[in-house]
N, C-alpha and C. Protein backbone atom coordinates (compact mmCIF):
# COMPACT_ATOMS: atom_id res chain seq x y z
N MET A 1 0.76 -1.21 -0.05
CA MET A 1 -0.10 0.21 -0.02
C MET A 1 1.13 0.94 0.01
N GLU A 2 0.72 2.11 -1.19
CA GLU A 2 1.31 3.59 -1.17
C GLU A 2 0.32 4.61 -0.61
N VAL A 3 0.60 5.18 0.46
CA VAL A 3 -0.23 5.92 1.10
C VAL A 3 0.06 7.52 0.92
N LEU A 4 -0.65 8.17 0.15
CA LEU A 4 -0.43 9.54 -0.53
C LEU A 4 -0.69 10.47 0.09
N ASN A 5 -1.81 10.41 1.32
CA ASN A 5 -2.20 11.63 1.87
C ASN A 5 -3.10 10.75 2.93
N SER A 6 -3.19 11.60 4.17
CA SER A 6 -4.18 11.28 5.18
C SER A 6 -4.75 12.38 5.83
N ARG A 7 -6.10 12.20 6.60
CA ARG A 7 -6.46 12.85 7.46
C ARG A 7 -7.22 12.42 8.56
N MET A 8 -7.39 12.75 9.78
CA MET A 8 -8.43 12.51 10.56
C MET A 8 -9.80 13.36 10.51
N ILE A 9 -11.02 12.61 10.72
CA ILE A 9 -12.28 13.00 10.25
C ILE A 9 -12.74 12.79 11.91
N LEU A 10 -13.43 14.05 12.10
CA LEU A 10 -13.92 14.39 13.29
C LEU A 10 -15.64 14.42 12.92
N ARG A 11 -16.75 13.98 13.71
CA ARG A 11 -17.96 14.32 13.44
C ARG A 11 -18.55 15.00 14.89
N PRO A 12 -18.30 16.40 15.10
CA PRO A 12 -18.94 17.02 15.78
C PRO A 12 -20.23 16.83 16.48
N ALA A 13 -20.47 17.13 17.62
CA ALA A 13 -22.10 17.47 17.80
C ALA A 13 -22.42 18.91 17.25
N ASP A 14 -21.65 19.91 17.41
CA ASP A 14 -22.20 21.26 16.58
C ASP A 14 -20.87 21.73 15.58
N HIS A 15 -20.90 21.63 14.48
CA HIS A 15 -19.92 21.97 13.45
C HIS A 15 -19.43 23.42 13.75
N ASP A 16 -20.09 24.14 13.77
CA ASP A 16 -19.95 25.67 13.64
C ASP A 16 -19.07 25.93 15.01
N ARG A 17 -19.32 25.46 16.15
CA ARG A 17 -18.71 25.40 17.61
C ARG A 17 -17.27 24.85 17.02
N SER A 18 -17.09 23.51 16.63
CA SER A 18 -15.88 22.94 16.44
C SER A 18 -15.18 23.55 15.48
N VAL A 19 -15.62 23.95 14.36
CA VAL A 19 -14.86 24.76 13.42
C VAL A 19 -14.12 26.23 14.13
N ARG A 20 -14.95 26.92 14.83
CA ARG A 20 -14.44 28.15 15.61
C ARG A 20 -13.25 27.75 16.39
N PHE A 21 -13.17 26.53 17.28
CA PHE A 21 -12.36 26.26 18.10
C PHE A 21 -11.01 25.58 17.25
N TYR A 22 -11.33 25.05 16.28
CA TYR A 22 -9.86 24.57 15.56
C TYR A 22 -9.37 25.69 14.63
N ARG A 23 -10.19 26.66 14.34
CA ARG A 23 -9.81 27.91 13.23
C ARG A 23 -9.39 29.30 14.34
N ASP A 24 -10.11 29.39 15.41
CA ASP A 24 -9.93 30.55 15.99
C ASP A 24 -9.11 30.27 17.36
N VAL A 25 -9.24 29.07 18.03
CA VAL A 25 -8.54 29.17 19.16
C VAL A 25 -7.28 28.34 19.00
N LEU A 26 -7.34 27.27 18.33
CA LEU A 26 -6.03 26.40 17.92
C LEU A 26 -5.47 27.29 16.81
N GLY A 27 -5.95 28.20 16.07
CA GLY A 27 -5.34 28.88 14.97
C GLY A 27 -4.98 28.15 13.65
N LEU A 28 -5.78 26.62 13.38
CA LEU A 28 -5.49 25.92 12.35
C LEU A 28 -5.76 26.62 10.92
N ALA A 29 -5.21 26.71 10.12
CA ALA A 29 -5.45 27.54 8.92
C ALA A 29 -6.39 26.52 7.88
N ILE A 30 -7.21 26.98 7.58
CA ILE A 30 -8.37 26.33 6.48
C ILE A 30 -7.82 25.68 5.27
N CYS A 31 -7.78 24.65 5.06
CA CYS A 31 -7.36 23.84 3.80
C CYS A 31 -8.29 24.16 2.31
N ARG A 32 -9.45 23.81 2.91
CA ARG A 32 -10.94 23.81 1.82
C ARG A 32 -11.94 23.57 2.59
N GLU A 33 -12.84 24.35 2.03
CA GLU A 33 -14.32 24.20 2.88
C GLU A 33 -15.34 23.74 1.64
N PHE A 34 -16.27 22.95 2.17
CA PHE A 34 -17.31 22.22 1.23
C PHE A 34 -18.52 21.93 2.25
N PRO A 35 -19.85 22.09 1.50
CA PRO A 35 -20.80 21.97 2.35
C PRO A 35 -21.00 20.96 3.30
N GLY A 36 -20.83 21.53 4.45
CA GLY A 36 -20.98 20.48 5.71
C GLY A 36 -19.99 20.15 6.28
N GLY A 37 -18.46 20.87 5.56
CA GLY A 37 -17.13 20.29 5.78
C GLY A 37 -16.20 21.47 6.10
N THR A 38 -15.25 21.39 6.78
CA THR A 38 -13.84 22.13 6.84
C THR A 38 -12.80 21.28 7.05
N VAL A 39 -11.98 21.42 5.98
CA VAL A 39 -10.75 20.83 6.01
C VAL A 39 -9.57 21.77 6.46
N PHE A 40 -8.84 21.34 7.50
CA PHE A 40 -7.76 22.29 8.59
C PHE A 40 -6.15 21.55 8.17
N PHE A 41 -5.32 22.45 7.83
CA PHE A 41 -4.09 21.99 7.49
C PHE A 41 -3.43 21.68 9.21
N LEU A 42 -3.08 20.54 9.31
CA LEU A 42 -2.30 19.85 10.67
C LEU A 42 -1.13 19.23 10.38
N GLY A 43 -0.37 20.30 10.44
CA GLY A 43 1.13 20.22 9.93
C GLY A 43 1.54 19.26 8.84
N GLN A 44 1.73 17.85 8.54
CA GLN A 44 1.85 17.38 7.62
C GLN A 44 0.88 16.48 7.34
N GLY A 45 -0.34 16.60 7.70
CA GLY A 45 -1.91 15.81 7.52
C GLY A 45 -3.01 16.89 7.32
N TYR A 46 -3.94 16.18 7.69
CA TYR A 46 -5.16 17.46 7.84
C TYR A 46 -6.19 16.78 8.76
N LEU A 47 -7.16 17.73 9.16
CA LEU A 47 -8.17 17.32 10.00
C LEU A 47 -9.31 17.69 9.39
N GLU A 48 -10.29 16.87 9.20
CA GLU A 48 -11.58 17.19 8.51
C GLU A 48 -12.69 17.26 9.48
N VAL A 49 -13.31 18.58 9.92
CA VAL A 49 -14.47 18.41 10.60
C VAL A 49 -15.78 18.65 9.56
N SER A 50 -16.46 17.27 9.83
CA SER A 50 -17.66 17.34 8.91
C SER A 50 -18.90 16.79 9.41
N GLY A 51 -19.90 16.77 8.71
CA GLY A 51 -21.22 15.89 9.51
C GLY A 51 -21.54 16.32 10.55
N GLN A 52 -22.35 15.36 11.71
CA GLN A 52 -22.71 15.61 12.78
C GLN A 52 -22.58 14.24 13.53
N GLY A 53 -21.94 14.38 14.67
CA GLY A 53 -21.95 12.76 15.40
C GLY A 53 -22.77 13.31 16.47
N ASP A 54 -22.99 12.01 17.31
CA ASP A 54 -24.04 12.01 18.36
C ASP A 54 -23.41 11.28 19.58
N ALA A 55 -22.68 10.36 19.20
CA ALA A 55 -21.94 9.53 20.39
C ALA A 55 -20.80 10.36 20.83
N GLY A 56 -20.19 11.24 20.52
CA GLY A 56 -19.21 11.88 20.99
C GLY A 56 -17.68 11.25 20.88
N PRO A 57 -16.60 11.69 21.06
CA PRO A 57 -15.38 10.96 20.94
C PRO A 57 -15.12 9.93 21.90
N SER A 58 -14.34 8.97 21.76
CA SER A 58 -14.08 7.89 22.23
C SER A 58 -13.10 8.17 22.99
N PRO A 59 -12.79 7.68 24.06
CA PRO A 59 -11.58 7.96 25.09
C PRO A 59 -10.54 7.46 24.48
N ASP A 60 -10.57 6.45 23.63
CA ASP A 60 -9.74 6.02 22.81
C ASP A 60 -8.83 6.73 21.95
N GLN A 61 -9.26 7.85 21.43
CA GLN A 61 -9.10 8.71 20.35
C GLN A 61 -8.31 9.64 20.77
N VAL A 62 -7.07 10.11 20.40
CA VAL A 62 -6.53 11.43 20.87
C VAL A 62 -5.92 12.05 19.65
N LEU A 63 -6.02 13.33 19.39
CA LEU A 63 -5.23 14.09 18.30
C LEU A 63 -3.89 14.70 19.29
N TRP A 64 -2.92 14.50 18.02
CA TRP A 64 -1.30 14.67 18.70
C TRP A 64 -0.94 15.85 18.08
N LEU A 65 -0.67 16.85 18.59
CA LEU A 65 -0.25 18.08 18.00
C LEU A 65 1.05 18.91 18.53
N GLN A 66 2.19 18.86 17.41
CA GLN A 66 3.53 19.27 17.92
C GLN A 66 3.67 20.93 17.76
N VAL A 67 4.36 21.37 18.72
CA VAL A 67 4.24 22.66 18.67
C VAL A 67 5.65 23.01 19.29
N ARG A 68 6.20 24.56 18.71
CA ARG A 68 7.43 24.76 19.12
C ARG A 68 7.76 25.34 20.61
N ASP A 69 6.92 25.65 20.95
CA ASP A 69 6.80 26.22 22.50
C ASP A 69 5.60 25.96 23.15
N LEU A 70 5.78 24.92 24.07
CA LEU A 70 4.61 24.44 24.96
C LEU A 70 4.11 25.22 25.66
N ARG A 71 4.73 25.72 26.60
CA ARG A 71 4.48 27.11 27.93
C ARG A 71 3.44 28.08 27.27
N ALA A 72 4.33 28.38 25.96
CA ALA A 72 3.75 30.01 25.54
C ALA A 72 2.38 29.24 25.07
N THR A 73 2.18 28.35 24.12
CA THR A 73 0.76 27.73 23.46
C THR A 73 -0.03 27.44 25.08
N PHE A 74 0.37 27.04 25.60
CA PHE A 74 -0.78 26.66 27.12
C PHE A 74 -1.31 27.95 28.10
N ASP A 75 -0.22 29.15 27.73
CA ASP A 75 -0.55 30.31 28.07
C ASP A 75 -1.48 30.65 27.17
N GLU A 76 -1.42 30.86 26.05
CA GLU A 76 -2.34 31.36 25.09
C GLU A 76 -3.75 30.74 25.11
N LEU A 77 -4.04 29.34 25.18
CA LEU A 77 -5.05 28.53 25.31
C LEU A 77 -5.94 28.80 26.63
N ARG A 78 -4.94 28.88 27.79
CA ARG A 78 -5.49 29.38 29.11
C ARG A 78 -6.27 30.46 29.04
N ASP A 79 -5.77 31.32 28.53
CA ASP A 79 -6.49 32.75 28.16
C ASP A 79 -7.65 33.03 27.39
N GLN A 80 -7.80 32.07 26.57
CA GLN A 80 -9.11 31.73 25.52
C GLN A 80 -10.09 30.71 26.30
N GLY A 81 -9.73 30.22 27.40
CA GLY A 81 -10.76 29.83 28.04
C GLY A 81 -10.49 28.09 27.66
N VAL A 82 -9.87 27.94 27.15
CA VAL A 82 -9.79 25.95 26.69
C VAL A 82 -9.43 25.51 27.91
N THR A 83 -10.44 24.15 27.76
CA THR A 83 -10.15 23.38 29.09
C THR A 83 -8.84 22.34 29.13
N ILE A 84 -8.10 22.79 30.31
CA ILE A 84 -7.00 22.20 30.32
C ILE A 84 -7.15 20.69 31.23
N VAL A 85 -6.73 20.04 30.39
CA VAL A 85 -6.77 18.56 31.16
C VAL A 85 -5.48 18.04 32.13
N ALA A 86 -4.34 18.37 31.57
CA ALA A 86 -3.02 18.29 32.27
C ALA A 86 -2.28 19.20 31.80
N GLU A 87 -1.56 20.01 32.87
CA GLU A 87 -0.49 20.94 32.60
C GLU A 87 0.54 20.25 31.89
N PRO A 88 1.46 21.33 31.51
CA PRO A 88 2.77 20.69 30.46
C PRO A 88 3.30 19.92 31.38
N GLU A 89 4.21 18.98 31.30
CA GLU A 89 5.38 18.37 31.92
C GLU A 89 6.31 17.45 31.19
N GLN A 90 7.34 17.07 31.42
CA GLN A 90 8.28 16.33 30.72
C GLN A 90 7.80 14.94 31.33
N LYS A 91 7.56 14.18 30.06
CA LYS A 91 7.21 12.86 30.54
C LYS A 91 8.80 11.99 30.45
N PRO A 92 8.36 10.81 31.16
CA PRO A 92 9.68 9.65 31.08
C PRO A 92 10.41 9.58 29.84
N TRP A 93 9.31 9.36 28.71
CA TRP A 93 10.16 9.17 27.70
C TRP A 93 10.46 10.58 26.71
N GLY A 94 10.57 11.48 27.52
CA GLY A 94 11.25 12.58 26.88
C GLY A 94 10.61 13.70 26.30
N LEU A 95 9.54 13.58 26.03
CA LEU A 95 8.71 14.54 25.30
C LEU A 95 7.92 15.50 26.49
N HIS A 96 8.03 16.72 25.99
CA HIS A 96 7.13 17.59 27.13
C HIS A 96 5.75 17.48 26.65
N GLU A 97 4.68 17.36 27.18
CA GLU A 97 3.39 17.34 26.95
C GLU A 97 2.20 17.77 27.80
N GLY A 98 1.21 18.31 27.26
CA GLY A 98 -0.09 19.05 27.76
C GLY A 98 -1.25 18.71 27.56
N TRP A 99 -2.20 18.45 28.08
CA TRP A 99 -3.45 18.00 27.48
C TRP A 99 -4.46 19.00 27.59
N ILE A 100 -5.14 19.09 26.33
CA ILE A 100 -6.61 19.72 26.62
C ILE A 100 -7.88 18.84 26.00
N THR A 101 -9.02 19.44 25.91
CA THR A 101 -10.08 19.00 25.24
C THR A 101 -10.68 19.77 24.08
N ASP A 102 -11.13 19.54 23.02
CA ASP A 102 -12.12 20.35 22.32
C ASP A 102 -13.24 20.40 22.83
N PRO A 103 -14.15 21.36 21.93
CA PRO A 103 -15.46 21.52 22.77
C PRO A 103 -16.46 19.93 22.94
N ASP A 104 -16.10 19.03 22.25
CA ASP A 104 -16.65 17.75 22.31
C ASP A 104 -16.55 16.78 23.25
N GLY A 105 -14.69 17.35 24.06
CA GLY A 105 -14.40 16.57 24.68
C GLY A 105 -13.35 15.67 24.09
N MET A 106 -13.09 15.88 22.76
CA MET A 106 -11.85 15.06 22.22
C MET A 106 -10.69 15.29 22.84
N ARG A 107 -9.83 14.50 23.32
CA ARG A 107 -8.61 14.58 24.13
C ARG A 107 -7.72 15.11 22.94
N VAL A 108 -6.90 16.45 23.39
CA VAL A 108 -5.82 16.67 22.32
C VAL A 108 -4.52 16.73 23.25
N VAL A 109 -3.36 16.05 22.81
CA VAL A 109 -2.31 16.22 23.37
C VAL A 109 -1.39 17.17 22.81
N ILE A 110 -0.68 18.14 23.45
CA ILE A 110 0.17 19.24 22.43
C ILE A 110 1.81 18.87 23.18
N VAL A 111 2.50 18.68 21.97
CA VAL A 111 3.91 18.15 22.43
C VAL A 111 4.81 19.20 22.07
N GLU A 112 5.94 19.23 23.03
CA GLU A 112 6.97 19.79 22.39
C GLU A 112 8.31 18.85 22.57
N VAL A 113 9.01 18.73 21.22
CA VAL A 113 10.34 17.87 21.07
C VAL A 113 11.21 18.62 21.56
N PRO A 114 11.97 18.28 22.99
CA PRO A 114 13.07 19.00 22.92
C PRO A 114 14.30 18.84 21.80
N ALA A 115 15.23 19.45 21.84
CA ALA A 115 16.35 19.55 20.75
C ALA A 115 17.26 18.34 20.70
N ASP A 116 17.54 17.85 22.26
CA ASP A 116 17.99 16.67 22.20
C ASP A 116 17.51 15.52 22.32
N HIS A 117 16.01 15.53 21.85
CA HIS A 117 15.36 14.23 22.12
C HIS A 117 15.71 13.12 20.89
N PRO A 118 15.62 11.93 20.96
CA PRO A 118 16.05 10.90 19.87
C PRO A 118 15.07 11.05 18.78
N ILE A 119 13.71 11.62 18.64
CA ILE A 119 12.88 11.86 17.47
C ILE A 119 13.38 12.62 16.62
N ARG A 120 14.36 13.70 16.68
CA ARG A 120 14.94 14.28 16.43
C ARG A 120 15.94 14.28 15.40
N ARG A 121 16.33 12.66 15.49
CA ARG A 121 17.92 12.59 15.13
C ARG A 121 17.67 11.49 14.03
N ASP A 122 18.24 11.70 13.00
CA ASP A 122 17.98 10.89 11.55
C ASP A 122 18.66 9.60 12.10
N THR A 123 17.63 8.29 12.22
CA THR A 123 18.43 6.98 12.66
C THR A 123 18.67 6.36 11.39
N ARG A 124 18.17 6.85 10.14
CA ARG A 124 18.34 5.69 8.87
C ARG A 124 19.91 5.28 9.20
N GLY A 125 21.00 6.14 9.11
CA GLY A 125 22.20 5.36 8.94
C GLY A 125 22.80 4.89 10.16
N ASP A 126 21.92 4.85 11.38
CA ASP A 126 22.47 3.78 12.16
C ASP A 126 22.54 2.37 12.12
């Protein structure tokens, strides 16, 4: 299988509220819009908010977002009234992580990768 593109699709309870959250609060840029849906740029992938869900997000689903400055990001999110689930901290695996939720309760982990973390190293030559 050759994967050419990818996206995560969310079915929110309230489409407009979720679009405002991802566009205005998290600051994601819109890639395209279509009747009933909005696709956001999400780093090297996409996030589609479309349709309407009724079951809500599963606790097994998590959106992972990497940022340059985790503390500054959390200061901005806190100022905007975003629900903070876990304050930023360094995890045993070396990443700095903090957790928030979107308007439907979808868990979002926001991550800063320290400069010396192995994920930043090209291991293909090892």
